[in-house]
Amino acid sequence: MKIAVCSWLMVASLLTFIVYWRDKRAARTGAWRTPEATLLLLGLAGGWPGAWLARHGLRHKTRKQPFRALFWFSVLANLALSWWLWRALA
């Protein structure tokens, strides 16, 4: 079961990174943007490592304070849930 959890986190991170990349590209071209709520939910669903990499690697969503605070809250919630799952599955 631990392999399934780790696999989920990897897939969610990759998907989240791609969505952030597409949103960054949309911001540059003036195209339709991904709502911030969607970006945060993807991170909360386990994609926060991909979101973190995209935020820093692509320099995307790094200035807006409400988003930054909610992002870090979702990371902490994810870490707590991951820790609980890891212990429960042990």
PDB file of N, CA and C in Angstrom:
ATOM      1  N   MET A   1       0.819  -1.199   0.000  1.00  0.00           N
ATOM      2  CA  MET A   1       0.000   0.000   0.000  1.00  0.00           C
ATOM      3  C   MET A   1       0.865   1.267   0.000  1.00  0.00           C
ATOM      4  N   LYS A   2       2.038   1.190   0.642  1.00  0.00           N
ATOM      5  CA  LYS A   2       2.917   2.353   0.666  1.00  0.00           C
ATOM      6  C   LYS A   2       3.393   2.696  -0.746  1.00  0.00           C
ATOM      7  N   ILE A   3       3.584   1.684  -1.564  1.00  0.00           N
ATOM      8  CA  ILE A   3       4.000   1.925  -2.953  1.00  0.00           C
ATOM      9  C   ILE A   3       2.901   2.674  -3.692  1.00  0.00           C
ATOM     10  N   ALA A   4       1.650   2.348  -3.416  1.00  0.00           N
ATOM     11  CA  ALA A   4       0.534   3.035  -4.061  1.00  0.00           C
ATOM     12  C   ALA A   4       0.484   4.504  -3.658  1.00  0.00           C
ATOM     13  N   VAL A   5       0.735   4.773  -2.383  1.00  0.00           N
ATOM     14  CA  VAL A   5       0.737   6.165  -1.906  1.00  0.00           C
ATOM     15  C   VAL A   5       1.873   6.941  -2.563  1.00  0.00           C
ATOM     16  N   CYS A   6       3.058   6.354  -2.604  1.00  0.00           N
ATOM     17  CA  CYS A   6       4.204   7.025  -3.238  1.00  0.00           C
ATOM     18  C   CYS A   6       3.961   7.236  -4.730  1.00  0.00           C
ATOM     19  N   SER A   7       3.383   6.242  -5.381  1.00  0.00           N
ATOM     20  CA  SER A   7       3.067   6.374  -6.810  1.00  0.00           C
ATOM     21  C   SER A   7       2.075   7.494  -7.040  1.00  0.00           C
ATOM     22  N   TRP A   8       1.054   7.561  -6.181  1.00  0.00           N
ATOM     23  CA  TRP A   8       0.053   8.624  -6.314  1.00  0.00           C
ATOM     24  C   TRP A   8       0.711  10.002  -6.188  1.00  0.00           C
ATOM     25  N   LEU A   9       1.598  10.149  -5.208  1.00  0.00           N
ATOM     26  CA  LEU A   9       2.261  11.438  -5.011  1.00  0.00           C
ATOM     27  C   LEU A   9       3.108  11.821  -6.223  1.00  0.00           C
ATOM     28  N   MET A  10       3.761  10.846  -6.827  1.00  0.00           N
ATOM     29  CA  MET A  10       4.580  11.136  -8.008  1.00  0.00           C
ATOM     30  C   MET A  10       3.714  11.547  -9.193  1.00  0.00           C
ATOM     31  N   VAL A  11       2.625  10.828  -9.427  1.00  0.00           N
ATOM     32  CA  VAL A  11       1.731  11.156 -10.546  1.00  0.00           C
ATOM     33  C   VAL A  11       1.062  12.506 -10.309  1.00  0.00           C
ATOM     34  N   ALA A  12       0.598  12.733  -9.087  1.00  0.00           N
ATOM     35  CA  ALA A  12      -0.052  14.011  -8.768  1.00  0.00           C
ATOM     36  C   ALA A  12       0.922  15.174  -8.927  1.00  0.00           C
ATOM     37  N   SER A  13       2.178  14.969  -8.537  1.00  0.00           N
ATOM     38  CA  SER A  13       3.181  16.029  -8.672  1.00  0.00           C
ATOM     39  C   SER A  13       3.462  16.345 -10.135  1.00  0.00           C
ATOM     40  N   LEU A  14       3.583  15.316 -10.940  1.00  0.00           N
ATOM     41  CA  LEU A  14       3.826  15.533 -12.367  1.00  0.00           C
ATOM     42  C   LEU A  14       2.657  16.267 -13.013  1.00  0.00           C
ATOM     43  N   LEU A  15       1.445  15.832 -12.715  1.00  0.00           N
ATOM     44  CA  LEU A  15       0.254  16.484 -13.266  1.00  0.00           C
ATOM     45  C   LEU A  15       0.184  17.939 -12.812  1.00  0.00           C
ATOM     46  N   THR A  16       0.458  18.181 -11.549  1.00  0.00           N
ATOM     47  CA  THR A  16       0.405  19.543 -11.016  1.00  0.00           C
ATOM     48  C   THR A  16       1.457  20.426 -11.668  1.00  0.00           C
ATOM     49  N   PHE A  17       2.665  19.906 -11.859  1.00  0.00           N
ATOM     50  CA  PHE A  17       3.712  20.676 -12.528  1.00  0.00           C
ATOM     51  C   PHE A  17       3.263  21.067 -13.934  1.00  0.00           C
ATOM     52  N   ILE A  18       2.656  20.133 -14.657  1.00  0.00           N
ATOM     53  CA  ILE A  18       2.191  20.408 -16.027  1.00  0.00           C
ATOM     54  C   ILE A  18       1.119  21.486 -16.022  1.00  0.00           C
ATOM     55  N   VAL A  19       0.198  21.425 -15.071  1.00  0.00           N
ATOM     56  CA  VAL A  19      -0.870  22.434 -15.002  1.00  0.00           C
ATOM     57  C   VAL A  19      -0.282  23.806 -14.680  1.00  0.00           C
ATOM     58  N   TYR A  20       0.669  23.871 -13.775  1.00  0.00           N
ATOM     59  CA  TYR A  20       1.339  25.144 -13.483  1.00  0.00           C
ATOM     60  C   TYR A  20       2.067  25.668 -14.723  1.00  0.00           C
ATOM     61  N   TRP A  21       2.750  24.778 -15.436  1.00  0.00           N
ATOM     62  CA  TRP A  21       3.466  25.186 -16.648  1.00  0.00           C
ATOM     63  C   TRP A  21       2.496  25.756 -17.682  1.00  0.00           C
ATOM     64  N   ARG A  22       1.352  25.083 -17.875  1.00  0.00           N
ATOM     65  CA  ARG A  22       0.360  25.572 -18.839  1.00  0.00           C
ATOM     66  C   ARG A  22      -0.206  26.921 -18.393  1.00  0.00           C
ATOM     67  N   ASP A  23      -0.416  27.090 -17.086  1.00  0.00           N
ATOM     68  CA  ASP A  23      -0.928  28.366 -16.588  1.00  0.00           C
ATOM     69  C   ASP A  23       0.097  29.474 -16.773  1.00  0.00           C
ATOM     70  N   LYS A  24       1.358  29.164 -16.577  1.00  0.00           N
ATOM     71  CA  LYS A  24       2.423  30.171 -16.802  1.00  0.00           C
ATOM     72  C   LYS A  24       2.443  30.580 -18.274  1.00  0.00           C
ATOM     73  N   ARG A  25       2.334  29.594 -19.162  1.00  0.00           N
ATOM     74  CA  ARG A  25       2.307  29.886 -20.599  1.00  0.00           C
ATOM     75  C   ARG A  25       1.072  30.718 -20.953  1.00  0.00           C
ATOM     76  N   ALA A  26      -0.068  30.390 -20.350  1.00  0.00           N
ATOM     77  CA  ALA A  26      -1.287  31.158 -20.601  1.00  0.00           C
ATOM     78  C   ALA A  26      -1.148  32.593 -20.103  1.00  0.00           C
ATOM     79  N   ALA A  27      -0.470  32.771 -18.986  1.00  0.00           N
ATOM     80  CA  ALA A  27      -0.258  34.127 -18.451  1.00  0.00           C
ATOM     81  C   ALA A  27       0.567  34.968 -19.416  1.00  0.00           C
ATOM     82  N   ARG A  28       1.541  34.344 -20.055  1.00  0.00           N
ATOM     83  CA  ARG A  28       2.395  35.075 -21.000  1.00  0.00           C
ATOM     84  C   ARG A  28       1.683  35.419 -22.292  1.00  0.00           C
ATOM     85  N   THR A  29       0.775  34.542 -22.732  1.00  0.00           N
ATOM     86  CA  THR A  29       0.124  34.730 -24.034  1.00  0.00           C
ATOM     87  C   THR A  29      -1.255  35.366 -23.939  1.00  0.00           C
ATOM     88  N   GLY A  30      -1.756  35.554 -22.717  1.00  0.00           N
ATOM     89  CA  GLY A  30      -3.076  36.153 -22.554  1.00  0.00           C
ATOM     90  C   GLY A  30      -4.209  35.158 -22.795  1.00  0.00           C
ATOM     91  N   ALA A  31      -3.922  33.880 -22.717  1.00  0.00           N
ATOM     92  CA  ALA A  31      -4.934  32.842 -22.933  1.00  0.00           C
ATOM     93  C   ALA A  31      -5.690  32.571 -21.634  1.00  0.00           C
ATOM     94  N   TRP A  32      -6.630  31.631 -21.704  1.00  0.00           N
ATOM     95  CA  TRP A  32      -7.425  31.256 -20.545  1.00  0.00           C
ATOM     96  C   TRP A  32      -6.523  30.712 -19.452  1.00  0.00           C
ATOM     97  N   ARG A  33      -6.724  31.190 -18.222  1.00  0.00           N
ATOM     98  CA  ARG A  33      -5.893  30.803 -17.083  1.00  0.00           C
ATOM     99  C   ARG A  33      -6.575  29.736 -16.238  1.00  0.00           C
ATOM    100  N   THR A  34      -5.769  28.964 -15.566  1.00  0.00           N
ATOM    101  CA  THR A  34      -6.270  27.981 -14.613  1.00  0.00           C
ATOM    102  C   THR A  34      -6.606  28.718 -13.320  1.00  0.00           C
ATOM    103  N   PRO A  35      -7.807  28.501 -12.783  1.00  0.00           N
ATOM    104  CA  PRO A  35      -8.156  29.189 -11.528  1.00  0.00           C
ATOM    105  C   PRO A  35      -7.199  28.809 -10.397  1.00  0.00           C
ATOM    106  N   GLU A  36      -6.932  29.773  -9.525  1.00  0.00           N
ATOM    107  CA  GLU A  36      -6.032  29.513  -8.403  1.00  0.00           C
ATOM    108  C   GLU A  36      -6.560  28.397  -7.518  1.00  0.00           C
ATOM    109  N   ALA A  37      -7.876  28.307  -7.373  1.00  0.00           N
ATOM    110  CA  ALA A  37      -8.457  27.242  -6.555  1.00  0.00           C
ATOM    111  C   ALA A  37      -8.087  25.871  -7.110  1.00  0.00           C
ATOM    112  N   THR A  38      -8.044  25.744  -8.423  1.00  0.00           N
ATOM    113  CA  THR A  38      -7.666  24.475  -9.044  1.00  0.00           C
ATOM    114  C   THR A  38      -6.207  24.156  -8.750  1.00  0.00           C
ATOM    115  N   LEU A  39      -5.349  25.152  -8.855  1.00  0.00           N
ATOM    116  CA  LEU A  39      -3.932  24.942  -8.563  1.00  0.00           C
ATOM    117  C   LEU A  39      -3.739  24.506  -7.111  1.00  0.00           C
ATOM    118  N   LEU A  40      -4.454  25.133  -6.203  1.00  0.00           N
ATOM    119  CA  LEU A  40      -4.337  24.784  -4.792  1.00  0.00           C
ATOM    120  C   LEU A  40      -4.896  23.391  -4.507  1.00  0.00           C
ATOM    121  N   LEU A  41      -6.006  23.045  -5.148  1.00  0.00           N
ATOM    122  CA  LEU A  41      -6.593  21.718  -4.949  1.00  0.00           C
ATOM    123  C   LEU A  41      -5.680  20.617  -5.476  1.00  0.00           C
ATOM    124  N   LEU A  42      -5.032  20.869  -6.598  1.00  0.00           N
ATOM    125  CA  LEU A  42      -4.077  19.882  -7.114  1.00  0.00           C
ATOM    126  C   LEU A  42      -2.935  19.661  -6.131  1.00  0.00           C
ATOM    127  N   GLY A  43      -2.459  20.741  -5.545  1.00  0.00           N
ATOM    128  CA  GLY A  43      -1.414  20.615  -4.536  1.00  0.00           C
ATOM    129  C   GLY A  43      -1.904  19.874  -3.308  1.00  0.00           C
ATOM    130  N   LEU A  44      -3.125  20.161  -2.897  1.00  0.00           N
ATOM    131  CA  LEU A  44      -3.707  19.511  -1.730  1.00  0.00           C
ATOM    132  C   LEU A  44      -3.955  18.025  -1.985  1.00  0.00           C
ATOM    133  N   ALA A  45      -4.196  17.665  -3.235  1.00  0.00           N
ATOM    134  CA  ALA A  45      -4.441  16.264  -3.599  1.00  0.00           C
ATOM    135  C   ALA A  45      -3.141  15.462  -3.692  1.00  0.00           C
ATOM    136  N   GLY A  46      -2.038  16.053  -3.295  1.00  0.00           N
ATOM    137  CA  GLY A  46      -0.775  15.330  -3.288  1.00  0.00           C
ATOM    138  C   GLY A  46       0.244  15.863  -4.266  1.00  0.00           C
ATOM    139  N   GLY A  47      -0.128  16.866  -5.038  1.00  0.00           N
ATOM    140  CA  GLY A  47       0.783  17.386  -6.040  1.00  0.00           C
ATOM    141  C   GLY A  47       1.643  18.545  -5.580  1.00  0.00           C
ATOM    142  N   TRP A  48       1.731  18.747  -4.280  1.00  0.00           N
ATOM    143  CA  TRP A  48       2.484  19.914  -3.793  1.00  0.00           C
ATOM    144  C   TRP A  48       3.966  19.885  -4.164  1.00  0.00           C
ATOM    145  N   PRO A  49       4.637  18.714  -4.247  1.00  0.00           N
ATOM    146  CA  PRO A  49       6.044  18.788  -4.667  1.00  0.00           C
ATOM    147  C   PRO A  49       6.181  19.335  -6.100  1.00  0.00           C
ATOM    148  N   GLY A  50       5.292  18.920  -6.989  1.00  0.00           N
ATOM    149  CA  GLY A  50       5.309  19.440  -8.356  1.00  0.00           C
ATOM    150  C   GLY A  50       4.968  20.916  -8.395  1.00  0.00           C
ATOM    151  N   ALA A  51       4.042  21.323  -7.536  1.00  0.00           N
ATOM    152  CA  ALA A  51       3.690  22.745  -7.449  1.00  0.00           C
ATOM    153  C   ALA A  51       4.873  23.558  -6.946  1.00  0.00           C
ATOM    154  N   TRP A  52       5.565  23.041  -5.939  1.00  0.00           N
ATOM    155  CA  TRP A  52       6.729  23.745  -5.403  1.00  0.00           C
ATOM    156  C   TRP A  52       7.812  23.885  -6.470  1.00  0.00           C
ATOM    157  N   LEU A  53       8.078  22.787  -7.191  1.00  0.00           N
ATOM    158  CA  LEU A  53       9.082  22.839  -8.256  1.00  0.00           C
ATOM    159  C   LEU A  53       8.683  23.825  -9.348  1.00  0.00           C
ATOM    160  N   ALA A  54       7.407  23.823  -9.719  1.00  0.00           N
ATOM    161  CA  ALA A  54       6.940  24.736 -10.765  1.00  0.00           C
ATOM    162  C   ALA A  54       7.007  26.186 -10.299  1.00  0.00           C
ATOM    163  N   ARG A  55       6.608  26.440  -9.063  1.00  0.00           N
ATOM    164  CA  ARG A  55       6.636  27.812  -8.557  1.00  0.00           C
ATOM    165  C   ARG A  55       8.054  28.373  -8.594  1.00  0.00           C
ATOM    166  N   HIS A  56       9.022  27.557  -8.230  1.00  0.00           N
ATOM    167  CA  HIS A  56      10.396  28.045  -8.186  1.00  0.00           C
ATOM    168  C   HIS A  56      11.103  27.916  -9.528  1.00  0.00           C
ATOM    169  N   GLY A  57      10.914  26.823 -10.192  1.00  0.00           N
ATOM    170  CA  GLY A  57      11.584  26.619 -11.477  1.00  0.00           C
ATOM    171  C   GLY A  57      11.049  27.514 -12.583  1.00  0.00           C
ATOM    172  N   LEU A  58       9.723  27.720 -12.579  1.00  0.00           N
ATOM    173  CA  LEU A  58       9.093  28.550 -13.610  1.00  0.00           C
ATOM    174  C   LEU A  58       8.868  29.985 -13.125  1.00  0.00           C
ATOM    175  N   ARG A  59       9.151  30.232 -11.857  1.00  0.00           N
ATOM    176  CA  ARG A  59       8.887  31.529 -11.230  1.00  0.00           C
ATOM    177  C   ARG A  59       7.433  31.929 -11.453  1.00  0.00           C
ATOM    178  N   HIS A  60       6.546  31.034 -11.044  1.00  0.00           N
ATOM    179  CA  HIS A  60       5.115  31.236 -11.239  1.00  0.00           C
ATOM    180  C   HIS A  60       4.401  31.204  -9.897  1.00  0.00           C
ATOM    181  N   LYS A  61       3.548  32.167  -9.675  1.00  0.00           N
ATOM    182  CA  LYS A  61       2.753  32.288  -8.456  1.00  0.00           C
ATOM    183  C   LYS A  61       3.651  32.460  -7.229  1.00  0.00           C
ATOM    184  N   THR A  62       4.681  33.257  -7.367  1.00  0.00           N
ATOM    185  CA  THR A  62       5.611  33.449  -6.249  1.00  0.00           C
ATOM    186  C   THR A  62       5.397  34.772  -5.517  1.00  0.00           C
ATOM    187  N   ARG A  63       4.582  35.666  -6.056  1.00  0.00           N
ATOM    188  CA  ARG A  63       4.429  36.994  -5.450  1.00  0.00           C
ATOM    189  C   ARG A  63       3.110  37.186  -4.710  1.00  0.00           C
ATOM    190  N   LYS A  64       2.031  36.582  -5.172  1.00  0.00           N
ATOM    191  CA  LYS A  64       0.714  36.828  -4.584  1.00  0.00           C
ATOM    192  C   LYS A  64       0.634  36.237  -3.181  1.00  0.00           C
ATOM    193  N   GLN A  65       0.568  37.128  -2.188  1.00  0.00           N
ATOM    194  CA  GLN A  65       0.606  36.684  -0.799  1.00  0.00           C
ATOM    195  C   GLN A  65      -0.559  35.770  -0.422  1.00  0.00           C
ATOM    196  N   PRO A  66      -1.799  36.053  -0.749  1.00  0.00           N
ATOM    197  CA  PRO A  66      -2.844  35.098  -0.339  1.00  0.00           C
ATOM    198  C   PRO A  66      -2.594  33.695  -0.909  1.00  0.00           C
ATOM    199  N   PHE A  67      -2.139  33.615  -2.145  1.00  0.00           N
ATOM    200  CA  PHE A  67      -1.870  32.321  -2.755  1.00  0.00           C
ATOM    201  C   PHE A  67      -0.707  31.634  -2.046  1.00  0.00           C
ATOM    202  N   ARG A  68       0.330  32.365  -1.748  1.00  0.00           N
ATOM    203  CA  ARG A  68       1.501  31.782  -1.080  1.00  0.00           C
ATOM    204  C   ARG A  68       1.121  31.193   0.268  1.00  0.00           C
ATOM    205  N   ALA A  69       0.336  31.920   1.045  1.00  0.00           N
ATOM    206  CA  ALA A  69      -0.071  31.439   2.372  1.00  0.00           C
ATOM    207  C   ALA A  69      -0.926  30.181   2.240  1.00  0.00           C
ATOM    208  N   LEU A  70      -1.870  30.187   1.320  1.00  0.00           N
ATOM    209  CA  LEU A  70      -2.716  29.009   1.121  1.00  0.00           C
ATOM    210  C   LEU A  70      -1.908  27.830   0.595  1.00  0.00           C
ATOM    211  N   PHE A  71      -0.929  28.110  -0.246  1.00  0.00           N
ATOM    212  CA  PHE A  71      -0.070  27.051  -0.758  1.00  0.00           C
ATOM    213  C   PHE A  71       0.659  26.364   0.394  1.00  0.00           C
ATOM    214  N   TRP A  72       1.283  27.152   1.269  1.00  0.00           N
ATOM    215  CA  TRP A  72       2.041  26.552   2.372  1.00  0.00           C
ATOM    216  C   TRP A  72       1.128  25.855   3.363  1.00  0.00           C
ATOM    217  N   PHE A  73      -0.082  26.357   3.538  1.00  0.00           N
ATOM    218  CA  PHE A  73      -1.051  25.648   4.382  1.00  0.00           C
ATOM    219  C   PHE A  73      -1.356  24.278   3.780  1.00  0.00           C
ATOM    220  N   SER A  74      -1.532  24.223   2.465  1.00  0.00           N
ATOM    221  CA  SER A  74      -1.830  22.939   1.811  1.00  0.00           C
ATOM    222  C   SER A  74      -0.638  21.986   1.924  1.00  0.00           C
ATOM    223  N   VAL A  75       0.570  22.515   1.875  1.00  0.00           N
ATOM    224  CA  VAL A  75       1.763  21.667   2.037  1.00  0.00           C
ATOM    225  C   VAL A  75       1.779  21.066   3.442  1.00  0.00           C
ATOM    226  N   LEU A  76       1.545  21.886   4.453  1.00  0.00           N
ATOM    227  CA  LEU A  76       1.540  21.381   5.827  1.00  0.00           C
ATOM    228  C   LEU A  76       0.437  20.354   6.035  1.00  0.00           C
ATOM    229  N   ALA A  77      -0.751  20.611   5.487  1.00  0.00           N
ATOM    230  CA  ALA A  77      -1.852  19.655   5.597  1.00  0.00           C
ATOM    231  C   ALA A  77      -1.480  18.337   4.920  1.00  0.00           C
ATOM    232  N   ASN A  78      -0.828  18.426   3.764  1.00  0.00           N
ATOM    233  CA  ASN A  78      -0.403  17.238   3.035  1.00  0.00           C
ATOM    234  C   ASN A  78       0.635  16.449   3.807  1.00  0.00           C
ATOM    235  N   LEU A  79       1.603  17.124   4.377  1.00  0.00           N
ATOM    236  CA  LEU A  79       2.630  16.434   5.160  1.00  0.00           C
ATOM    237  C   LEU A  79       2.027  15.738   6.372  1.00  0.00           C
ATOM    238  N   ALA A  80       1.093  16.388   7.027  1.00  0.00           N
ATOM    239  CA  ALA A  80       0.437  15.776   8.183  1.00  0.00           C
ATOM    240  C   ALA A  80      -0.353  14.540   7.762  1.00  0.00           C
ATOM    241  N   LEU A  81      -1.087  14.650   6.671  1.00  0.00           N
ATOM    242  CA  LEU A  81      -1.864  13.511   6.187  1.00  0.00           C
ATOM    243  C   LEU A  81      -0.946  12.379   5.730  1.00  0.00           C
ATOM    244  N   SER A  82       0.130  12.715   5.050  1.00  0.00           N
ATOM    245  CA  SER A  82       1.080  11.699   4.590  1.00  0.00           C
ATOM    246  C   SER A  82       1.709  10.976   5.774  1.00  0.00           C
ATOM    247  N   TRP A  83       2.091  11.720   6.790  1.00  0.00           N
ATOM    248  CA  TRP A  83       2.679  11.118   7.984  1.00  0.00           C
ATOM    249  C   TRP A  83       1.680  10.174   8.637  1.00  0.00           C
ATOM    250  N   TRP A  84       0.425  10.600   8.757  1.00  0.00           N
ATOM    251  CA  TRP A  84      -0.611   9.773   9.369  1.00  0.00           C
ATOM    252  C   TRP A  84      -0.832   8.509   8.544  1.00  0.00           C
ATOM    253  N   LEU A  85      -0.921   8.637   7.220  1.00  0.00           N
ATOM    254  CA  LEU A  85      -1.116   7.470   6.364  1.00  0.00           C
ATOM    255  C   LEU A  85       0.049   6.504   6.481  1.00  0.00           C
ATOM    256  N   TRP A  86       1.254   7.036   6.474  1.00  0.00           N
ATOM    257  CA  TRP A  86       2.453   6.196   6.560  1.00  0.00           C
ATOM    258  C   TRP A  86       2.436   5.364   7.840  1.00  0.00           C
ATOM    259  N   ARG A  87       2.067   6.000   8.937  1.00  0.00           N
ATOM    260  CA  ARG A  87       2.009   5.296  10.222  1.00  0.00           C
ATOM    261  C   ARG A  87       0.846   4.315  10.261  1.00  0.00           C
ATOM    262  N   ALA A  88      -0.276   4.693   9.677  1.00  0.00           N
ATOM    263  CA  ALA A  88      -1.452   3.817   9.689  1.00  0.00           C
ATOM    264  C   ALA A  88      -1.222   2.564   8.827  1.00  0.00           C
ATOM    265  N   LEU A  89      -0.427   2.705   7.774  1.00  0.00           N
ATOM    266  CA  LEU A  89      -0.182   1.583   6.867  1.00  0.00           C
ATOM    267  C   LEU A  89       1.003   0.720   7.302  1.00  0.00           C
ATOM    268  N   ALA A  90       1.690   1.156   8.357  1.00  0.00           N
ATOM    269  CA  ALA A  90       2.881   0.417   8.815  1.00  0.00           C
ATOM    270  C   ALA A  90       2.518  -0.922   9.431  1.00  0.00           C
TER     271      ALA A  90
END
